[in-house]
Amino acid sequence: ELLSLGAYKNIRAGVLSGGNKRKMCVGMAMIGNPEVVFFDEPSAGVDPISRRYLWKCLAVSAKSKNTAMVLTTHSMN
């Protein structure tokens, strides 16, 4: 729900857009309340608005689940 993937629940992952595939991978990584998660370029190839939304979702998820996150990016924002 947080990653806005509900509309795609009956669609195979292989046919999702690149951005939605990345969001799905982020969501899968957060399942099970991990203590530490490493993300290598989770927003690569994602448009700027979706990138900002994804980073916001990561921050909210990390705080609510008490998870430490390491995020790499080439973004200069």
PDB file of N, CA and C in Angstrom:
ATOM      1  N   GLU A   1       0.822  -1.194   0.000  1.00  0.00           N
ATOM      2  CA  GLU A   1       0.000   0.000   0.000  1.00  0.00           C
ATOM      3  C   GLU A   1       0.870   1.264   0.000  1.00  0.00           C
ATOM      4  N   LEU A   2       1.900   1.268   0.851  1.00  0.00           N
ATOM      5  CA  LEU A   2       2.780   2.434   0.952  1.00  0.00           C
ATOM      6  C   LEU A   2       3.445   2.764  -0.382  1.00  0.00           C
ATOM      7  N   LEU A   3       3.781   1.745  -1.156  1.00  0.00           N
ATOM      8  CA  LEU A   3       4.473   1.950  -2.431  1.00  0.00           C
ATOM      9  C   LEU A   3       3.518   2.078  -3.616  1.00  0.00           C
ATOM     10  N   SER A   4       2.229   2.140  -3.350  1.00  0.00           N
ATOM     11  CA  SER A   4       1.205   2.316  -4.396  1.00  0.00           C
ATOM     12  C   SER A   4       1.265   1.229  -5.458  1.00  0.00           C
ATOM     13  N   LEU A   5       1.380  -0.004  -5.027  1.00  0.00           N
ATOM     14  CA  LEU A   5       1.435  -1.120  -5.971  1.00  0.00           C
ATOM     15  C   LEU A   5       0.150  -1.950  -5.979  1.00  0.00           C
ATOM     16  N   GLY A   6      -0.857  -1.523  -5.239  1.00  0.00           N
ATOM     17  CA  GLY A   6      -2.115  -2.270  -5.146  1.00  0.00           C
ATOM     18  C   GLY A   6      -2.776  -2.502  -6.487  1.00  0.00           C
ATOM     19  N   ALA A   7      -2.669  -1.551  -7.381  1.00  0.00           N
ATOM     20  CA  ALA A   7      -3.298  -1.674  -8.701  1.00  0.00           C
ATOM     21  C   ALA A   7      -2.662  -2.780  -9.546  1.00  0.00           C
ATOM     22  N   TYR A   8      -1.479  -3.233  -9.138  1.00  0.00           N
ATOM     23  CA  TYR A   8      -0.745  -4.228  -9.925  1.00  0.00           C
ATOM     24  C   TYR A   8      -0.722  -5.602  -9.269  1.00  0.00           C
ATOM     25  N   LYS A   9      -1.574  -5.833  -8.282  1.00  0.00           N
ATOM     26  CA  LYS A   9      -1.508  -7.077  -7.515  1.00  0.00           C
ATOM     27  C   LYS A   9      -1.785  -8.323  -8.349  1.00  0.00           C
ATOM     28  N   ASN A  10      -2.488  -8.218  -9.461  1.00  0.00           N
ATOM     29  CA  ASN A  10      -2.783  -9.381 -10.299  1.00  0.00           C
ATOM     30  C   ASN A  10      -1.983  -9.382 -11.594  1.00  0.00           C
ATOM     31  N   ILE A  11      -0.908  -8.619 -11.629  1.00  0.00           N
ATOM     32  CA  ILE A  11      -0.077  -8.524 -12.827  1.00  0.00           C
ATOM     33  C   ILE A  11       1.289  -9.128 -12.531  1.00  0.00           C
ATOM     34  N   ARG A  12       1.806  -9.926 -13.456  1.00  0.00           N
ATOM     35  CA  ARG A  12       3.118 -10.545 -13.284  1.00  0.00           C
ATOM     36  C   ARG A  12       4.210  -9.485 -13.245  1.00  0.00           C
ATOM     37  N   ALA A  13       5.196  -9.726 -12.407  1.00  0.00           N
ATOM     38  CA  ALA A  13       6.283  -8.762 -12.212  1.00  0.00           C
ATOM     39  C   ALA A  13       7.033  -8.485 -13.504  1.00  0.00           C
ATOM     40  N   GLY A  14       7.163  -9.460 -14.367  1.00  0.00           N
ATOM     41  CA  GLY A  14       7.924  -9.307 -15.596  1.00  0.00           C
ATOM     42  C   GLY A  14       7.359  -8.287 -16.570  1.00  0.00           C
ATOM     43  N   VAL A  15       6.084  -7.952 -16.442  1.00  0.00           N
ATOM     44  CA  VAL A  15       5.485  -7.000 -17.376  1.00  0.00           C
ATOM     45  C   VAL A  15       5.300  -5.615 -16.754  1.00  0.00           C
ATOM     46  N   LEU A  16       5.730  -5.435 -15.514  1.00  0.00           N
ATOM     47  CA  LEU A  16       5.652  -4.120 -14.877  1.00  0.00           C
ATOM     48  C   LEU A  16       6.676  -3.170 -15.487  1.00  0.00           C
ATOM     49  N   SER A  17       6.424  -1.879 -15.355  1.00  0.00           N
ATOM     50  CA  SER A  17       7.402  -0.889 -15.817  1.00  0.00           C
ATOM     51  C   SER A  17       8.642  -0.980 -14.938  1.00  0.00           C
ATOM     52  N   GLY A  18       9.731  -0.414 -15.398  1.00  0.00           N
ATOM     53  CA  GLY A  18      10.979  -0.451 -14.635  1.00  0.00           C
ATOM     54  C   GLY A  18      10.836   0.156 -13.248  1.00  0.00           C
ATOM     55  N   GLY A  19      10.118   1.282 -13.160  1.00  0.00           N
ATOM     56  CA  GLY A  19       9.924   1.936 -11.874  1.00  0.00           C
ATOM     57  C   GLY A  19       9.116   1.087 -10.911  1.00  0.00           C
ATOM     58  N   ASN A  20       8.082   0.439 -11.425  1.00  0.00           N
ATOM     59  CA  ASN A  20       7.261  -0.415 -10.561  1.00  0.00           C
ATOM     60  C   ASN A  20       8.005  -1.685 -10.157  1.00  0.00           C
ATOM     61  N   LYS A  21       8.874  -2.175 -11.035  1.00  0.00           N
ATOM     62  CA  LYS A  21       9.706  -3.331 -10.651  1.00  0.00           C
ATOM     63  C   LYS A  21      10.621  -2.945  -9.493  1.00  0.00           C
ATOM     64  N   ARG A  22      11.194  -1.769  -9.561  1.00  0.00           N
ATOM     65  CA  ARG A  22      12.081  -1.299  -8.486  1.00  0.00           C
ATOM     66  C   ARG A  22      11.307  -1.125  -7.186  1.00  0.00           C
ATOM     67  N   LYS A  23      10.100  -0.544  -7.281  1.00  0.00           N
ATOM     68  CA  LYS A  23       9.285  -0.394  -6.073  1.00  0.00           C
ATOM     69  C   LYS A  23       8.933  -1.752  -5.482  1.00  0.00           C
ATOM     70  N   MET A  24       8.640  -2.722  -6.333  1.00  0.00           N
ATOM     71  CA  MET A  24       8.324  -4.060  -5.863  1.00  0.00           C
ATOM     72  C   MET A  24       9.528  -4.677  -5.142  1.00  0.00           C
ATOM     73  N   CYS A  25      10.721  -4.498  -5.688  1.00  0.00           N
ATOM     74  CA  CYS A  25      11.934  -5.024  -5.049  1.00  0.00           C
ATOM     75  C   CYS A  25      12.175  -4.371  -3.689  1.00  0.00           C
ATOM     76  N   VAL A  26      11.926  -3.076  -3.615  1.00  0.00           N
ATOM     77  CA  VAL A  26      12.072  -2.373  -2.333  1.00  0.00           C
ATOM     78  C   VAL A  26      11.075  -2.944  -1.330  1.00  0.00           C
ATOM     79  N   GLY A  27       9.843  -3.112  -1.750  1.00  0.00           N
ATOM     80  CA  GLY A  27       8.826  -3.685  -0.869  1.00  0.00           C
ATOM     81  C   GLY A  27       9.191  -5.082  -0.392  1.00  0.00           C
ATOM     82  N   MET A  28       9.712  -5.901  -1.284  1.00  0.00           N
ATOM     83  CA  MET A  28      10.115  -7.265  -0.907  1.00  0.00           C
ATOM     84  C   MET A  28      11.260  -7.236   0.098  1.00  0.00           C
ATOM     85  N   ALA A  29      12.171  -6.287  -0.058  1.00  0.00           N
ATOM     86  CA  ALA A  29      13.304  -6.189   0.854  1.00  0.00           C
ATOM     87  C   ALA A  29      12.858  -5.795   2.259  1.00  0.00           C
ATOM     88  N   MET A  30      11.744  -5.082   2.355  1.00  0.00           N
ATOM     89  CA  MET A  30      11.275  -4.607   3.653  1.00  0.00           C
ATOM     90  C   MET A  30      10.361  -5.603   4.371  1.00  0.00           C
ATOM     91  N   ILE A  31       9.971  -6.665   3.691  1.00  0.00           N
ATOM     92  CA  ILE A  31       9.114  -7.671   4.322  1.00  0.00           C
ATOM     93  C   ILE A  31       9.888  -8.363   5.439  1.00  0.00           C
ATOM     94  N   GLY A  32       9.250  -8.537   6.556  1.00  0.00           N
ATOM     95  CA  GLY A  32       9.872  -9.256   7.660  1.00  0.00           C
ATOM     96  C   GLY A  32      10.609  -8.369   8.642  1.00  0.00           C
ATOM     97  N   ASN A  33      10.461  -7.055   8.512  1.00  0.00           N
ATOM     98  CA  ASN A  33      11.100  -6.115   9.434  1.00  0.00           C
ATOM     99  C   ASN A  33      12.588  -6.369   9.635  1.00  0.00           C
ATOM    100  N   PRO A  34      13.398  -6.276   8.592  1.00  0.00           N
ATOM    101  CA  PRO A  34      14.841  -6.506   8.745  1.00  0.00           C
ATOM    102  C   PRO A  34      15.479  -5.438   9.621  1.00  0.00           C
ATOM    103  N   GLU A  35      16.557  -5.797  10.288  1.00  0.00           N
ATOM    104  CA  GLU A  35      17.271  -4.825  11.116  1.00  0.00           C
ATOM    105  C   GLU A  35      18.081  -3.855  10.268  1.00  0.00           C
ATOM    106  N   VAL A  36      18.678  -4.370   9.177  1.00  0.00           N
ATOM    107  CA  VAL A  36      19.493  -3.555   8.278  1.00  0.00           C
ATOM    108  C   VAL A  36      19.153  -3.938   6.841  1.00  0.00           C
ATOM    109  N   VAL A  37      19.046  -2.935   5.976  1.00  0.00           N
ATOM    110  CA  VAL A  37      18.784  -3.172   4.553  1.00  0.00           C
ATOM    111  C   VAL A  37      19.759  -2.320   3.749  1.00  0.00           C
ATOM    112  N   PHE A  38      20.348  -2.918   2.726  1.00  0.00           N
ATOM    113  CA  PHE A  38      21.246  -2.203   1.815  1.00  0.00           C
ATOM    114  C   PHE A  38      20.552  -2.080   0.465  1.00  0.00           C
ATOM    115  N   PHE A  39      20.438  -0.862  -0.034  1.00  0.00           N
ATOM    116  CA  PHE A  39      19.844  -0.612  -1.339  1.00  0.00           C
ATOM    117  C   PHE A  39      20.903   0.011  -2.230  1.00  0.00           C
ATOM    118  N   ASP A  40      21.165  -0.615  -3.363  1.00  0.00           N
ATOM    119  CA  ASP A  40      22.106  -0.073  -4.334  1.00  0.00           C
ATOM    120  C   ASP A  40      21.310   0.500  -5.499  1.00  0.00           C
ATOM    121  N   GLU A  41      21.231   1.802  -5.568  1.00  0.00           N
ATOM    122  CA  GLU A  41      20.531   2.510  -6.635  1.00  0.00           C
ATOM    123  C   GLU A  41      19.070   2.060  -6.798  1.00  0.00           C
ATOM    124  N   PRO A  42      18.266   2.071  -5.731  1.00  0.00           N
ATOM    125  CA  PRO A  42      16.881   1.617  -5.881  1.00  0.00           C
ATOM    126  C   PRO A  42      16.034   2.538  -6.746  1.00  0.00           C
ATOM    127  N   SER A  43      16.504   3.756  -6.980  1.00  0.00           N
ATOM    128  CA  SER A  43      15.713   4.693  -7.777  1.00  0.00           C
ATOM    129  C   SER A  43      16.305   4.964  -9.156  1.00  0.00           C
ATOM    130  N   ALA A  44      17.275   4.164  -9.580  1.00  0.00           N
ATOM    131  CA  ALA A  44      17.871   4.348 -10.914  1.00  0.00           C
ATOM    132  C   ALA A  44      16.820   4.122 -11.993  1.00  0.00           C
ATOM    133  N   GLY A  45      16.754   5.026 -12.934  1.00  0.00           N
ATOM    134  CA  GLY A  45      15.810   4.880 -14.030  1.00  0.00           C
ATOM    135  C   GLY A  45      14.387   5.280 -13.679  1.00  0.00           C
ATOM    136  N   VAL A  46      14.187   5.841 -12.507  1.00  0.00           N
ATOM    137  CA  VAL A  46      12.861   6.259 -12.071  1.00  0.00           C
ATOM    138  C   VAL A  46      12.746   7.769 -12.261  1.00  0.00           C
ATOM    139  N   ASP A  47      11.576   8.237 -12.698  1.00  0.00           N
ATOM    140  CA  ASP A  47      11.404   9.675 -12.922  1.00  0.00           C
ATOM    141  C   ASP A  47      11.551  10.434 -11.607  1.00  0.00           C
ATOM    142  N   PRO A  48      11.904  11.732 -11.667  1.00  0.00           N
ATOM    143  CA  PRO A  48      12.209  12.510 -10.459  1.00  0.00           C
ATOM    144  C   PRO A  48      11.095  12.534  -9.406  1.00  0.00           C
ATOM    145  N   ILE A  49       9.856  12.621  -9.827  1.00  0.00           N
ATOM    146  CA  ILE A  49       8.750  12.644  -8.858  1.00  0.00           C
ATOM    147  C   ILE A  49       8.633  11.295  -8.157  1.00  0.00           C
ATOM    148  N   SER A  50       8.712  10.219  -8.910  1.00  0.00           N
ATOM    149  CA  SER A  50       8.638   8.884  -8.314  1.00  0.00           C
ATOM    150  C   SER A  50       9.855   8.610  -7.438  1.00  0.00           C
ATOM    151  N   ARG A  51      11.004   9.122  -7.824  1.00  0.00           N
ATOM    152  CA  ARG A  51      12.224   8.943  -7.029  1.00  0.00           C
ATOM    153  C   ARG A  51      12.051   9.570  -5.652  1.00  0.00           C
ATOM    154  N   ARG A  52      11.578  10.811  -5.621  1.00  0.00           N
ATOM    155  CA  ARG A  52      11.370  11.500  -4.353  1.00  0.00           C
ATOM    156  C   ARG A  52      10.345  10.754  -3.505  1.00  0.00           C
ATOM    157  N   TYR A  53       9.271  10.274  -4.141  1.00  0.00           N
ATOM    158  CA  TYR A  53       8.248   9.511  -3.417  1.00  0.00           C
ATOM    159  C   TYR A  53       8.834   8.221  -2.853  1.00  0.00           C
ATOM    160  N   LEU A  54       9.656   7.527  -3.627  1.00  0.00           N
ATOM    161  CA  LEU A  54      10.278   6.288  -3.175  1.00  0.00           C
ATOM    162  C   LEU A  54      11.182   6.544  -1.974  1.00  0.00           C
ATOM    163  N   TRP A  55      11.975   7.607  -2.032  1.00  0.00           N
ATOM    164  CA  TRP A  55      12.856   7.925  -0.909  1.00  0.00           C
ATOM    165  C   TRP A  55      12.040   8.261   0.343  1.00  0.00           C
ATOM    166  N   LYS A  56      10.917   8.972   0.148  1.00  0.00           N
ATOM    167  CA  LYS A  56      10.042   9.282   1.279  1.00  0.00           C
ATOM    168  C   LYS A  56       9.470   7.999   1.880  1.00  0.00           C
ATOM    169  N   CYS A  57       9.051   7.072   1.024  1.00  0.00           N
ATOM    170  CA  CYS A  57       8.530   5.785   1.500  1.00  0.00           C
ATOM    171  C   CYS A  57       9.596   5.018   2.273  1.00  0.00           C
ATOM    172  N   LEU A  58      10.830   5.049   1.790  1.00  0.00           N
ATOM    173  CA  LEU A  58      11.920   4.370   2.493  1.00  0.00           C
ATOM    174  C   LEU A  58      12.131   4.980   3.876  1.00  0.00           C
ATOM    175  N   ALA A  59      12.097   6.294   3.966  1.00  0.00           N
ATOM    176  CA  ALA A  59      12.293   6.959   5.251  1.00  0.00           C
ATOM    177  C   ALA A  59      11.169   6.614   6.222  1.00  0.00           C
ATOM    178  N   VAL A  60       9.937   6.652   5.762  1.00  0.00           N
ATOM    179  CA  VAL A  60       8.787   6.322   6.610  1.00  0.00           C
ATOM    180  C   VAL A  60       8.865   4.868   7.056  1.00  0.00           C
ATOM    181  N   SER A  61       9.188   3.985   6.143  1.00  0.00           N
ATOM    182  CA  SER A  61       9.272   2.566   6.462  1.00  0.00           C
ATOM    183  C   SER A  61      10.385   2.280   7.461  1.00  0.00           C
ATOM    184  N   ALA A  62      11.528   2.908   7.277  1.00  0.00           N
ATOM    185  CA  ALA A  62      12.662   2.687   8.173  1.00  0.00           C
ATOM    186  C   ALA A  62      12.326   3.131   9.586  1.00  0.00           C
ATOM    187  N   LYS A  63      11.670   4.274   9.712  1.00  0.00           N
ATOM    188  CA  LYS A  63      11.310   4.781  11.039  1.00  0.00           C
ATOM    189  C   LYS A  63      10.260   3.911  11.706  1.00  0.00           C
ATOM    190  N   SER A  64       9.248   3.517  10.946  1.00  0.00           N
ATOM    191  CA  SER A  64       8.157   2.748  11.541  1.00  0.00           C
ATOM    192  C   SER A  64       8.570   1.322  11.890  1.00  0.00           C
ATOM    193  N   LYS A  65       9.555   0.794  11.182  1.00  0.00           N
ATOM    194  CA  LYS A  65       9.982  -0.586  11.426  1.00  0.00           C
ATOM    195  C   LYS A  65      11.282  -0.663  12.216  1.00  0.00           C
ATOM    196  N   ASN A  66      11.831   0.493  12.570  1.00  0.00           N
ATOM    197  CA  ASN A  66      13.098   0.515  13.319  1.00  0.00           C
ATOM    198  C   ASN A  66      14.206  -0.196  12.540  1.00  0.00           C
ATOM    199  N   THR A  67      14.313   0.126  11.268  1.00  0.00           N
ATOM    200  CA  THR A  67      15.275  -0.505  10.369  1.00  0.00           C
ATOM    201  C   THR A  67      16.358   0.493   9.987  1.00  0.00           C
ATOM    202  N   ALA A  68      17.621   0.056  10.010  1.00  0.00           N
ATOM    203  CA  ALA A  68      18.723   0.873   9.508  1.00  0.00           C
ATOM    204  C   ALA A  68      18.831   0.638   8.007  1.00  0.00           C
ATOM    205  N   MET A  69      19.047   1.721   7.247  1.00  0.00           N
ATOM    206  CA  MET A  69      19.113   1.615   5.801  1.00  0.00           C
ATOM    207  C   MET A  69      20.361   2.272   5.269  1.00  0.00           C
ATOM    208  N   VAL A  70      21.002   1.613   4.303  1.00  0.00           N
ATOM    209  CA  VAL A  70      22.126   2.188   3.572  1.00  0.00           C
ATOM    210  C   VAL A  70      21.657   2.282   2.129  1.00  0.00           C
ATOM    211  N   LEU A  71      21.688   3.495   1.583  1.00  0.00           N
ATOM    212  CA  LEU A  71      21.165   3.753   0.251  1.00  0.00           C
ATOM    213  C   LEU A  71      22.255   4.414  -0.583  1.00  0.00           C
ATOM    214  N   THR A  72      22.578   3.823  -1.727  1.00  0.00           N
ATOM    215  CA  THR A  72      23.525   4.461  -2.636  1.00  0.00           C
ATOM    216  C   THR A  72      22.739   5.064  -3.805  1.00  0.00           C
ATOM    217  N   THR A  73      23.251   6.164  -4.323  1.00  0.00           N
ATOM    218  CA  THR A  73      22.600   6.808  -5.449  1.00  0.00           C
ATOM    219  C   THR A  73      23.604   7.696  -6.185  1.00  0.00           C
ATOM    220  N   HIS A  74      23.338   7.919  -7.455  1.00  0.00           N
ATOM    221  CA  HIS A  74      24.134   8.863  -8.238  1.00  0.00           C
ATOM    222  C   HIS A  74      23.431  10.219  -8.305  1.00  0.00           C
ATOM    223  N   SER A  75      22.262  10.304  -7.716  1.00  0.00           N
ATOM    224  CA  SER A  75      21.503  11.544  -7.757  1.00  0.00           C
ATOM    225  C   SER A  75      22.256  12.651  -7.050  1.00  0.00           C
ATOM    226  N   MET A  76      22.261  13.823  -7.640  1.00  0.00           N
ATOM    227  CA  MET A  76      22.967  14.962  -7.052  1.00  0.00           C
ATOM    228  C   MET A  76      22.009  15.925  -6.347  1.00  0.00           C
ATOM    229  N   ASN A  77      20.745  15.537  -6.191  1.00  0.00           N
ATOM    230  CA  ASN A  77      19.770  16.393  -5.495  1.00  0.00           C
ATOM    231  C   ASN A  77      20.092  16.509  -4.029  1.00  0.00           C
TER     232      ASN A  77
END
